[in-house]
Every structure is written in C-alpha cells, then in structure tokens.
Amino acid sequence: MFESLGYIYMPSRDVAADVKWFAETLGAKVVFAIDGMGAPWEPLEGYRLLEVVKYYTRVPLFAAYFSMSFNKQKWDSLPKDIQQAIMSVSGLEGSKFWGRNFFDTAEQAVLNAAKKGNFEIIQYELPPQELARWRKVAGDPLWNEWVKRMEAKGRPEARQVLNATLDLLKH
C-alpha cells in the first residue's frame, strides 16, 4: 500500500470533506474526529480498520488504482528474453491475475478476517433511488464537465470513453 495515497474522509458533524493519508484517517477514526470515510475493501484488513469500524455503507463511488512500476532505464537494460518473461505475466494477463486474486476477492477476505477476529460488520446498501439522486446531483455534472474538458483538449472521443466506462460499471 502506498502511504502517499489520500482518502476522502468526512469530518465529524461537518458537511465538508477533506483528503487525508490513510494512516491519518485511521488515527482520526480512533479518536472519534471523523464520522466516516470512503475506502475500497482492499485496505480494510491491512490497516486494521476492522478493529474500529463497524458500519459499512456500500456505495459505488470509489475506484482503486493499482500498479507496479519499473524504472525505464533498468527495463531497457534487461535482455529481451527477460523483458518477454516479465511481460508474459504483466499487461493484460497481469491485470486479469490481480483482478481475480486481489480486487475480486478483497470483500470476502475482509468478511473472513472480521469473522476470525470477532469484529462486527453491519452493511447498508444504498437504495437505487438514492443512488440515482446522487448521480444526478454529483455524478452527471462532474462527468459532463470532464467530457467538456477533454473535448476542449482535442479528444472528441471523450463522451464515448465515458459511456463505455459507465457501461462497464454496470457489469
């Protein structure tokens, strides 16, 4: 986990949101300085949030980015057969591997860890009508603004990219 990643948190009894480093968010939760935060399943066990968080609202608002980087000069210095061996388990195949073995299994891993540690998890599913209201108020305007910015930068396919992304999220 990269400590440089920031996560949105909601200050206690305040409407404003802020961005904190994940470790800071855990500390703020422990001392009751915040009421909630946005996070995917993946860091909940590693950051021991199971020990301090009981209520989970499932909202499809968060996207996690995961990558493994390589120094370009070092990469270029490797023999071609070594580069090919690395690429045989990277790229699309690596993405499929991490998708199946990390992202797709994270929720169940957290639920198993909670059960093993005797930590209670109470989940709440956002009703579809409320999610639609959130999308209308926050999603659509944000997405439309993104399309305008991309088209202004000479990317006429921006709307198609957005629509394809939203379509993928349905599955």
N, C-alpha and C. Protein backbone atom coordinates (compact mmCIF):
# COMPACT_ATOMS: atom_id res chain seq x y z
N MET A 1 0.85 -1.18 0.00
CA MET A 1 0.00 0.00 0.00
C MET A 1 0.89 1.23 0.00
N PHE A 2 0.54 2.20 -0.79
CA PHE A 2 1.31 3.44 -0.87
C PHE A 2 0.79 4.44 0.14
N GLU A 3 1.66 4.89 1.03
CA GLU A 3 1.26 5.87 2.03
C GLU A 3 0.92 7.22 1.41
N SER A 4 1.33 7.43 0.16
CA SER A 4 1.06 8.72 -0.47
C SER A 4 -0.37 8.82 -0.99
N LEU A 5 -1.10 7.73 -0.95
CA LEU A 5 -2.48 7.78 -1.41
C LEU A 5 -3.36 8.49 -0.39
N GLY A 6 -4.20 9.38 -0.86
CA GLY A 6 -5.11 10.07 0.04
C GLY A 6 -6.50 9.48 -0.08
N TYR A 7 -7.25 9.56 0.99
CA TYR A 7 -8.61 9.06 1.01
C TYR A 7 -9.53 10.15 1.54
N ILE A 8 -10.69 10.22 0.98
CA ILE A 8 -11.65 11.21 1.43
C ILE A 8 -12.19 10.79 2.79
N TYR A 9 -12.31 11.74 3.68
CA TYR A 9 -12.97 11.44 4.95
C TYR A 9 -13.94 12.55 5.26
N MET A 10 -14.91 12.27 6.10
CA MET A 10 -15.92 13.24 6.45
C MET A 10 -15.70 13.70 7.89
N PRO A 11 -15.30 14.95 8.09
CA PRO A 11 -15.10 15.43 9.46
C PRO A 11 -16.38 15.30 10.28
N SER A 12 -16.22 15.04 11.54
CA SER A 12 -17.35 14.84 12.43
C SER A 12 -18.29 16.03 12.43
N ARG A 13 -19.58 15.73 12.28
CA ARG A 13 -20.65 16.72 12.32
C ARG A 13 -20.38 17.93 11.42
N ASP A 14 -19.79 17.66 10.29
CA ASP A 14 -19.45 18.72 9.36
C ASP A 14 -19.80 18.22 7.96
N VAL A 15 -20.17 19.11 7.10
CA VAL A 15 -20.54 18.72 5.75
C VAL A 15 -19.32 18.60 4.85
N ALA A 16 -18.29 19.37 5.13
CA ALA A 16 -17.11 19.41 4.26
C ALA A 16 -16.34 18.11 4.30
N ALA A 17 -15.78 17.75 3.18
CA ALA A 17 -14.90 16.59 3.10
C ALA A 17 -13.48 17.08 2.94
N ASP A 18 -12.54 16.23 3.29
CA ASP A 18 -11.13 16.56 3.20
C ASP A 18 -10.40 15.31 2.73
N VAL A 19 -9.15 15.47 2.37
CA VAL A 19 -8.34 14.32 1.97
C VAL A 19 -7.24 14.15 3.00
N LYS A 20 -7.11 12.94 3.51
CA LYS A 20 -6.07 12.61 4.48
C LYS A 20 -5.34 11.36 3.98
N TRP A 21 -4.13 11.18 4.46
CA TRP A 21 -3.42 9.95 4.17
C TRP A 21 -4.13 8.85 4.95
N PHE A 22 -4.06 7.64 4.44
CA PHE A 22 -4.85 6.57 5.03
C PHE A 22 -4.53 6.35 6.50
N ALA A 23 -3.25 6.35 6.85
CA ALA A 23 -2.87 6.13 8.26
C ALA A 23 -3.42 7.24 9.15
N GLU A 24 -3.47 8.47 8.66
CA GLU A 24 -4.04 9.57 9.43
C GLU A 24 -5.54 9.36 9.63
N THR A 25 -6.19 8.83 8.61
CA THR A 25 -7.63 8.59 8.70
C THR A 25 -7.93 7.58 9.79
N LEU A 26 -7.14 6.52 9.86
CA LEU A 26 -7.33 5.53 10.93
C LEU A 26 -7.18 6.19 12.29
N GLY A 27 -6.14 7.00 12.47
CA GLY A 27 -5.94 7.69 13.74
C GLY A 27 -7.09 8.61 14.08
N ALA A 28 -7.60 9.33 13.08
CA ALA A 28 -8.73 10.23 13.32
C ALA A 28 -9.98 9.45 13.70
N LYS A 29 -10.16 8.29 13.11
CA LYS A 29 -11.32 7.46 13.44
C LYS A 29 -11.21 6.95 14.88
N VAL A 30 -10.01 6.55 15.27
CA VAL A 30 -9.80 6.01 16.62
C VAL A 30 -10.13 7.06 17.68
N VAL A 31 -9.77 8.32 17.43
CA VAL A 31 -10.03 9.38 18.43
C VAL A 31 -11.36 10.08 18.16
N PHE A 32 -12.21 9.49 17.33
CA PHE A 32 -13.56 9.99 17.06
C PHE A 32 -13.58 11.39 16.45
N ALA A 33 -12.58 11.70 15.64
CA ALA A 33 -12.54 13.01 14.98
C ALA A 33 -13.30 13.00 13.67
N ILE A 34 -13.63 11.82 13.15
CA ILE A 34 -14.38 11.74 11.91
C ILE A 34 -15.52 10.75 12.07
N ASP A 35 -16.53 10.91 11.24
CA ASP A 35 -17.68 10.02 11.27
C ASP A 35 -17.65 8.97 10.16
N GLY A 36 -16.91 9.24 9.11
CA GLY A 36 -16.90 8.28 8.02
C GLY A 36 -15.79 8.57 7.05
N MET A 37 -15.59 7.62 6.13
CA MET A 37 -14.56 7.77 5.12
C MET A 37 -14.91 6.92 3.92
N GLY A 38 -14.32 7.25 2.79
CA GLY A 38 -14.50 6.45 1.59
C GLY A 38 -13.28 5.59 1.37
N ALA A 39 -13.47 4.29 1.22
CA ALA A 39 -12.34 3.38 1.00
C ALA A 39 -12.84 2.12 0.32
N PRO A 40 -11.99 1.48 -0.47
CA PRO A 40 -12.35 0.18 -1.03
C PRO A 40 -12.13 -0.90 0.02
N TRP A 41 -12.45 -2.14 -0.31
CA TRP A 41 -12.28 -3.25 0.62
C TRP A 41 -10.81 -3.55 0.90
N GLU A 42 -9.95 -3.37 -0.10
CA GLU A 42 -8.57 -3.83 -0.01
C GLU A 42 -7.81 -3.38 1.24
N PRO A 43 -7.84 -2.12 1.65
CA PRO A 43 -7.02 -1.72 2.81
C PRO A 43 -7.66 -1.97 4.17
N LEU A 44 -8.91 -2.40 4.21
CA LEU A 44 -9.60 -2.51 5.50
C LEU A 44 -8.92 -3.48 6.47
N GLU A 45 -8.44 -4.58 5.94
CA GLU A 45 -7.77 -5.55 6.81
C GLU A 45 -6.35 -5.10 7.13
N GLY A 46 -5.60 -4.70 6.12
CA GLY A 46 -4.20 -4.31 6.32
C GLY A 46 -4.03 -3.11 7.24
N TYR A 47 -4.95 -2.17 7.17
CA TYR A 47 -4.88 -1.00 8.04
C TYR A 47 -5.66 -1.20 9.34
N ARG A 48 -6.14 -2.41 9.55
CA ARG A 48 -6.83 -2.79 10.79
C ARG A 48 -8.08 -1.97 11.08
N LEU A 49 -8.72 -1.50 10.03
CA LEU A 49 -9.94 -0.74 10.22
C LEU A 49 -11.07 -1.60 10.79
N LEU A 50 -10.96 -2.91 10.61
CA LEU A 50 -11.96 -3.81 11.18
C LEU A 50 -12.08 -3.64 12.69
N GLU A 51 -11.00 -3.18 13.30
CA GLU A 51 -10.98 -3.03 14.75
C GLU A 51 -11.71 -1.78 15.23
N VAL A 52 -11.93 -0.81 14.33
CA VAL A 52 -12.53 0.46 14.76
C VAL A 52 -13.77 0.85 13.97
N VAL A 53 -14.05 0.15 12.88
CA VAL A 53 -15.21 0.49 12.05
C VAL A 53 -16.20 -0.65 12.09
N LYS A 54 -17.45 -0.32 12.37
CA LYS A 54 -18.49 -1.33 12.50
C LYS A 54 -19.51 -1.24 11.35
N TYR A 55 -19.79 -0.03 10.90
CA TYR A 55 -20.84 0.20 9.90
C TYR A 55 -20.23 0.49 8.54
N TYR A 56 -20.75 -0.18 7.51
CA TYR A 56 -20.25 -0.06 6.15
C TYR A 56 -21.43 0.23 5.22
N THR A 57 -21.38 1.36 4.55
CA THR A 57 -22.39 1.69 3.56
C THR A 57 -21.80 1.40 2.19
N ARG A 58 -22.45 0.55 1.46
CA ARG A 58 -21.97 0.16 0.14
C ARG A 58 -22.45 1.17 -0.89
N VAL A 59 -21.50 1.91 -1.42
CA VAL A 59 -21.80 2.94 -2.41
C VAL A 59 -20.78 2.81 -3.54
N PRO A 60 -21.21 2.68 -4.77
CA PRO A 60 -20.26 2.51 -5.87
C PRO A 60 -19.63 3.84 -6.30
N LEU A 61 -18.88 4.45 -5.40
CA LEU A 61 -18.25 5.73 -5.69
C LEU A 61 -16.74 5.65 -5.78
N PHE A 62 -16.15 4.59 -5.34
CA PHE A 62 -14.71 4.55 -5.19
C PHE A 62 -14.08 3.67 -6.26
N ALA A 63 -13.00 4.13 -6.81
CA ALA A 63 -12.21 3.33 -7.73
C ALA A 63 -10.78 3.29 -7.21
N ALA A 64 -10.23 2.12 -7.14
CA ALA A 64 -8.85 1.99 -6.67
C ALA A 64 -7.94 1.80 -7.86
N TYR A 65 -6.84 2.45 -7.83
CA TYR A 65 -5.82 2.32 -8.87
C TYR A 65 -4.67 1.51 -8.30
N PHE A 66 -4.23 0.54 -9.03
CA PHE A 66 -3.14 -0.31 -8.59
C PHE A 66 -2.16 -0.50 -9.73
N SER A 67 -0.90 -0.31 -9.46
CA SER A 67 0.11 -0.55 -10.48
C SER A 67 1.42 -0.98 -9.84
N MET A 68 2.25 -1.62 -10.63
CA MET A 68 3.62 -1.92 -10.24
C MET A 68 4.50 -1.25 -11.28
N SER A 69 5.35 -0.39 -10.82
CA SER A 69 6.17 0.39 -11.74
C SER A 69 7.56 -0.20 -11.89
N PHE A 70 8.19 0.16 -12.98
CA PHE A 70 9.53 -0.31 -13.28
C PHE A 70 10.35 0.87 -13.76
N ASN A 71 11.57 0.99 -13.30
CA ASN A 71 12.46 2.04 -13.76
C ASN A 71 12.75 1.82 -15.24
N LYS A 72 12.48 2.84 -16.07
CA LYS A 72 12.62 2.71 -17.53
C LYS A 72 14.05 2.36 -17.95
N GLN A 73 15.04 3.00 -17.34
CA GLN A 73 16.44 2.70 -17.70
C GLN A 73 16.80 1.26 -17.34
N LYS A 74 16.34 0.81 -16.18
CA LYS A 74 16.61 -0.57 -15.78
C LYS A 74 15.91 -1.53 -16.73
N TRP A 75 14.67 -1.23 -17.08
CA TRP A 75 13.92 -2.06 -18.02
C TRP A 75 14.66 -2.17 -19.35
N ASP A 76 15.10 -1.04 -19.87
CA ASP A 76 15.80 -1.03 -21.15
C ASP A 76 17.12 -1.79 -21.09
N SER A 77 17.71 -1.92 -19.91
CA SER A 77 19.00 -2.62 -19.77
C SER A 77 18.83 -4.14 -19.68
N LEU A 78 17.61 -4.60 -19.47
CA LEU A 78 17.38 -6.05 -19.35
C LEU A 78 17.42 -6.72 -20.72
N PRO A 79 17.90 -7.96 -20.77
CA PRO A 79 17.87 -8.70 -22.04
C PRO A 79 16.42 -8.89 -22.50
N LYS A 80 16.23 -9.00 -23.79
CA LYS A 80 14.88 -9.13 -24.37
C LYS A 80 14.13 -10.35 -23.82
N ASP A 81 14.82 -11.46 -23.60
CA ASP A 81 14.12 -12.65 -23.09
C ASP A 81 13.59 -12.43 -21.67
N ILE A 82 14.31 -11.65 -20.88
CA ILE A 82 13.84 -11.33 -19.52
C ILE A 82 12.64 -10.38 -19.61
N GLN A 83 12.72 -9.40 -20.50
CA GLN A 83 11.59 -8.49 -20.70
C GLN A 83 10.35 -9.28 -21.13
N GLN A 84 10.52 -10.21 -22.05
CA GLN A 84 9.40 -11.02 -22.52
C GLN A 84 8.83 -11.89 -21.40
N ALA A 85 9.70 -12.44 -20.55
CA ALA A 85 9.23 -13.26 -19.43
C ALA A 85 8.39 -12.41 -18.48
N ILE A 86 8.85 -11.20 -18.20
CA ILE A 86 8.09 -10.30 -17.32
C ILE A 86 6.76 -9.92 -17.96
N MET A 87 6.80 -9.59 -19.24
CA MET A 87 5.56 -9.17 -19.92
C MET A 87 4.57 -10.32 -20.08
N SER A 88 5.06 -11.55 -20.05
CA SER A 88 4.14 -12.69 -20.19
C SER A 88 3.20 -12.81 -18.98
N VAL A 89 3.59 -12.23 -17.86
CA VAL A 89 2.74 -12.26 -16.67
C VAL A 89 2.32 -10.84 -16.25
N SER A 90 2.53 -9.90 -17.14
CA SER A 90 2.15 -8.50 -16.89
C SER A 90 1.10 -8.09 -17.91
N GLY A 91 0.94 -6.80 -18.10
CA GLY A 91 0.00 -6.32 -19.10
C GLY A 91 -1.39 -6.86 -18.86
N LEU A 92 -2.03 -7.34 -19.92
CA LEU A 92 -3.39 -7.86 -19.81
C LEU A 92 -3.46 -9.07 -18.88
N GLU A 93 -2.49 -10.00 -19.02
CA GLU A 93 -2.51 -11.19 -18.15
C GLU A 93 -2.30 -10.81 -16.68
N GLY A 94 -1.41 -9.89 -16.43
CA GLY A 94 -1.19 -9.43 -15.05
C GLY A 94 -2.43 -8.74 -14.50
N SER A 95 -3.08 -7.95 -15.35
CA SER A 95 -4.31 -7.28 -14.92
C SER A 95 -5.40 -8.29 -14.57
N LYS A 96 -5.52 -9.32 -15.38
CA LYS A 96 -6.50 -10.37 -15.07
C LYS A 96 -6.16 -11.07 -13.75
N PHE A 97 -4.86 -11.36 -13.56
CA PHE A 97 -4.43 -12.02 -12.33
C PHE A 97 -4.79 -11.17 -11.11
N TRP A 98 -4.40 -9.89 -11.12
CA TRP A 98 -4.65 -9.03 -9.96
C TRP A 98 -6.15 -8.79 -9.79
N GLY A 99 -6.87 -8.70 -10.88
CA GLY A 99 -8.32 -8.53 -10.76
C GLY A 99 -8.96 -9.70 -10.05
N ARG A 100 -8.58 -10.93 -10.46
CA ARG A 100 -9.14 -12.14 -9.84
C ARG A 100 -8.65 -12.35 -8.42
N ASN A 101 -7.37 -12.14 -8.19
CA ASN A 101 -6.74 -12.53 -6.93
C ASN A 101 -6.56 -11.40 -5.93
N PHE A 102 -7.00 -10.23 -6.26
CA PHE A 102 -6.87 -9.11 -5.32
C PHE A 102 -8.21 -8.39 -5.23
N PHE A 103 -8.61 -7.72 -6.27
CA PHE A 103 -9.83 -6.93 -6.21
C PHE A 103 -11.08 -7.80 -6.06
N ASP A 104 -11.18 -8.87 -6.82
CA ASP A 104 -12.39 -9.71 -6.78
C ASP A 104 -12.53 -10.48 -5.48
N THR A 105 -11.45 -10.65 -4.73
CA THR A 105 -11.50 -11.45 -3.51
C THR A 105 -11.41 -10.59 -2.24
N ALA A 106 -11.23 -9.29 -2.39
CA ALA A 106 -10.98 -8.42 -1.24
C ALA A 106 -12.16 -8.40 -0.27
N GLU A 107 -13.36 -8.27 -0.78
CA GLU A 107 -14.52 -8.20 0.12
C GLU A 107 -14.64 -9.46 0.96
N GLN A 108 -14.55 -10.62 0.33
CA GLN A 108 -14.68 -11.86 1.09
C GLN A 108 -13.54 -12.03 2.08
N ALA A 109 -12.33 -11.59 1.71
CA ALA A 109 -11.20 -11.66 2.64
C ALA A 109 -11.45 -10.81 3.88
N VAL A 110 -12.03 -9.63 3.69
CA VAL A 110 -12.36 -8.76 4.82
C VAL A 110 -13.43 -9.41 5.69
N LEU A 111 -14.45 -9.95 5.08
CA LEU A 111 -15.52 -10.61 5.85
C LEU A 111 -14.96 -11.80 6.63
N ASN A 112 -14.05 -12.57 6.01
CA ASN A 112 -13.43 -13.70 6.71
C ASN A 112 -12.58 -13.22 7.89
N ALA A 113 -11.81 -12.15 7.67
CA ALA A 113 -10.96 -11.61 8.74
C ALA A 113 -11.81 -11.07 9.88
N ALA A 114 -12.92 -10.44 9.54
CA ALA A 114 -13.81 -9.92 10.58
C ALA A 114 -14.38 -11.06 11.42
N LYS A 115 -14.79 -12.11 10.75
CA LYS A 115 -15.33 -13.27 11.47
C LYS A 115 -14.27 -13.90 12.37
N LYS A 116 -13.07 -14.08 11.82
CA LYS A 116 -11.97 -14.67 12.58
C LYS A 116 -11.59 -13.82 13.80
N GLY A 117 -11.59 -12.50 13.63
CA GLY A 117 -11.23 -11.59 14.72
C GLY A 117 -12.39 -11.21 15.61
N ASN A 118 -13.56 -11.77 15.31
CA ASN A 118 -14.77 -11.46 16.07
C ASN A 118 -15.12 -9.96 16.01
N PHE A 119 -14.96 -9.36 14.82
CA PHE A 119 -15.32 -7.97 14.60
C PHE A 119 -16.65 -7.93 13.86
N GLU A 120 -17.54 -7.09 14.32
CA GLU A 120 -18.86 -6.99 13.72
C GLU A 120 -18.82 -6.07 12.51
N ILE A 121 -19.47 -6.50 11.44
CA ILE A 121 -19.64 -5.68 10.24
C ILE A 121 -21.13 -5.59 9.96
N ILE A 122 -21.63 -4.37 9.94
CA ILE A 122 -23.03 -4.13 9.61
C ILE A 122 -23.04 -3.36 8.29
N GLN A 123 -23.59 -3.98 7.25
CA GLN A 123 -23.58 -3.36 5.92
C GLN A 123 -24.94 -2.76 5.60
N TYR A 124 -24.87 -1.64 4.89
CA TYR A 124 -26.08 -0.96 4.42
C TYR A 124 -25.94 -0.72 2.93
N GLU A 125 -26.91 -1.15 2.18
CA GLU A 125 -26.91 -0.97 0.73
C GLU A 125 -27.71 0.29 0.40
N LEU A 126 -27.06 1.22 -0.29
CA LEU A 126 -27.73 2.45 -0.68
C LEU A 126 -28.89 2.11 -1.62
N PRO A 127 -30.11 2.57 -1.32
CA PRO A 127 -31.25 2.26 -2.19
C PRO A 127 -31.03 2.83 -3.60
N PRO A 128 -31.52 2.14 -4.62
CA PRO A 128 -31.31 2.59 -6.01
C PRO A 128 -31.80 4.02 -6.26
N GLN A 129 -32.93 4.39 -5.67
CA GLN A 129 -33.45 5.75 -5.89
C GLN A 129 -32.54 6.81 -5.28
N GLU A 130 -31.90 6.50 -4.17
CA GLU A 130 -30.97 7.44 -3.56
C GLU A 130 -29.69 7.53 -4.38
N LEU A 131 -29.23 6.39 -4.87
CA LEU A 131 -28.05 6.38 -5.73
C LEU A 131 -28.32 7.18 -7.00
N ALA A 132 -29.52 7.04 -7.57
CA ALA A 132 -29.88 7.82 -8.77
C ALA A 132 -29.89 9.32 -8.46
N ARG A 133 -30.36 9.68 -7.29
CA ARG A 133 -30.36 11.10 -6.90
C ARG A 133 -28.93 11.61 -6.76
N TRP A 134 -28.06 10.84 -6.15
CA TRP A 134 -26.65 11.23 -6.01
C TRP A 134 -26.01 11.39 -7.39
N ARG A 135 -26.32 10.45 -8.28
CA ARG A 135 -25.75 10.52 -9.63
C ARG A 135 -26.20 11.80 -10.33
N LYS A 136 -27.46 12.14 -10.20
CA LYS A 136 -27.99 13.34 -10.87
C LYS A 136 -27.35 14.61 -10.30
N VAL A 137 -27.18 14.65 -8.99
CA VAL A 137 -26.64 15.84 -8.33
C VAL A 137 -25.12 15.96 -8.49
N ALA A 138 -24.41 14.85 -8.37
CA ALA A 138 -22.95 14.92 -8.35
C ALA A 138 -22.28 14.22 -9.53
N GLY A 139 -22.77 13.06 -9.91
CA GLY A 139 -22.12 12.30 -10.98
C GLY A 139 -22.24 12.92 -12.34
N ASP A 140 -23.46 13.12 -12.80
CA ASP A 140 -23.67 13.65 -14.15
C ASP A 140 -22.97 14.98 -14.39
N PRO A 141 -23.10 15.96 -13.49
CA PRO A 141 -22.39 17.23 -13.73
C PRO A 141 -20.87 17.06 -13.79
N LEU A 142 -20.33 16.23 -12.92
CA LEU A 142 -18.89 16.00 -12.90
C LEU A 142 -18.44 15.33 -14.19
N TRP A 143 -19.17 14.31 -14.61
CA TRP A 143 -18.81 13.59 -15.83
C TRP A 143 -18.94 14.49 -17.06
N ASN A 144 -20.00 15.30 -17.11
CA ASN A 144 -20.19 16.20 -18.25
C ASN A 144 -19.08 17.25 -18.31
N GLU A 145 -18.65 17.73 -17.17
CA GLU A 145 -17.54 18.68 -17.12
C GLU A 145 -16.25 18.03 -17.62
N TRP A 146 -16.03 16.79 -17.23
CA TRP A 146 -14.85 16.06 -17.70
C TRP A 146 -14.87 15.93 -19.22
N VAL A 147 -16.03 15.58 -19.79
CA VAL A 147 -16.15 15.44 -21.24
C VAL A 147 -15.84 16.77 -21.92
N LYS A 148 -16.38 17.87 -21.40
CA LYS A 148 -16.10 19.19 -21.98
C LYS A 148 -14.61 19.50 -21.95
N ARG A 149 -13.95 19.23 -20.83
CA ARG A 149 -12.51 19.50 -20.73
C ARG A 149 -11.72 18.65 -21.72
N MET A 150 -12.07 17.39 -21.85
CA MET A 150 -11.34 16.51 -22.76
C MET A 150 -11.58 16.91 -24.21
N GLU A 151 -12.82 17.25 -24.55
CA GLU A 151 -13.11 17.69 -25.92
C GLU A 151 -12.39 18.98 -26.24
N ALA A 152 -12.28 19.87 -25.26
CA ALA A 152 -11.55 21.13 -25.45
C ALA A 152 -10.06 20.88 -25.66
N LYS A 153 -9.57 19.76 -25.16
CA LYS A 153 -8.16 19.40 -25.36
C LYS A 153 -7.95 18.62 -26.65
N GLY A 154 -9.00 18.54 -27.46
CA GLY A 154 -8.87 17.84 -28.74
C GLY A 154 -9.12 16.36 -28.68
N ARG A 155 -9.89 15.92 -27.72
CA ARG A 155 -10.21 14.49 -27.58
C ARG A 155 -11.71 14.29 -27.83
N PRO A 156 -12.11 14.23 -29.10
CA PRO A 156 -13.54 14.16 -29.43
C PRO A 156 -14.21 12.86 -28.98
N GLU A 157 -13.42 11.84 -28.64
CA GLU A 157 -13.98 10.56 -28.22
C GLU A 157 -14.30 10.51 -26.73
N ALA A 158 -14.17 11.62 -26.04
CA ALA A 158 -14.35 11.65 -24.59
C ALA A 158 -15.72 11.11 -24.17
N ARG A 159 -16.77 11.50 -24.84
CA ARG A 159 -18.12 11.03 -24.48
C ARG A 159 -18.21 9.52 -24.65
N GLN A 160 -17.60 8.99 -25.72
CA GLN A 160 -17.61 7.54 -25.94
C GLN A 160 -16.85 6.82 -24.83
N VAL A 161 -15.72 7.38 -24.42
CA VAL A 161 -14.93 6.79 -23.33
C VAL A 161 -15.75 6.77 -22.05
N LEU A 162 -16.39 7.89 -21.73
CA LEU A 162 -17.23 7.96 -20.52
C LEU A 162 -18.35 6.94 -20.60
N ASN A 163 -19.06 6.90 -21.72
CA ASN A 163 -20.19 5.96 -21.84
C ASN A 163 -19.73 4.51 -21.74
N ALA A 164 -18.58 4.19 -22.34
CA ALA A 164 -18.06 2.83 -22.24
C ALA A 164 -17.69 2.50 -20.80
N THR A 165 -17.09 3.45 -20.11
CA THR A 165 -16.73 3.23 -18.71
C THR A 165 -17.97 3.01 -17.85
N LEU A 166 -18.98 3.85 -18.04
CA LEU A 166 -20.22 3.71 -17.26
C LEU A 166 -20.91 2.37 -17.59
N ASP A 167 -20.83 1.95 -18.84
CA ASP A 167 -21.42 0.68 -19.22
C ASP A 167 -20.68 -0.48 -18.55
N LEU A 168 -19.35 -0.41 -18.49
CA LEU A 168 -18.58 -1.46 -17.83
C LEU A 168 -18.91 -1.55 -16.35
N LEU A 169 -19.22 -0.44 -15.73
CA LEU A 169 -19.53 -0.43 -14.31
C LEU A 169 -20.86 -1.11 -13.99
N LYS A 170 -21.70 -1.29 -14.99
CA LYS A 170 -22.99 -1.98 -14.80
C LYS A 170 -22.82 -3.48 -14.65
N HIS A 171 -21.69 -4.00 -15.08
CA HIS A 171 -21.48 -5.45 -15.11
C HIS A 171 -20.63 -5.93 -13.99
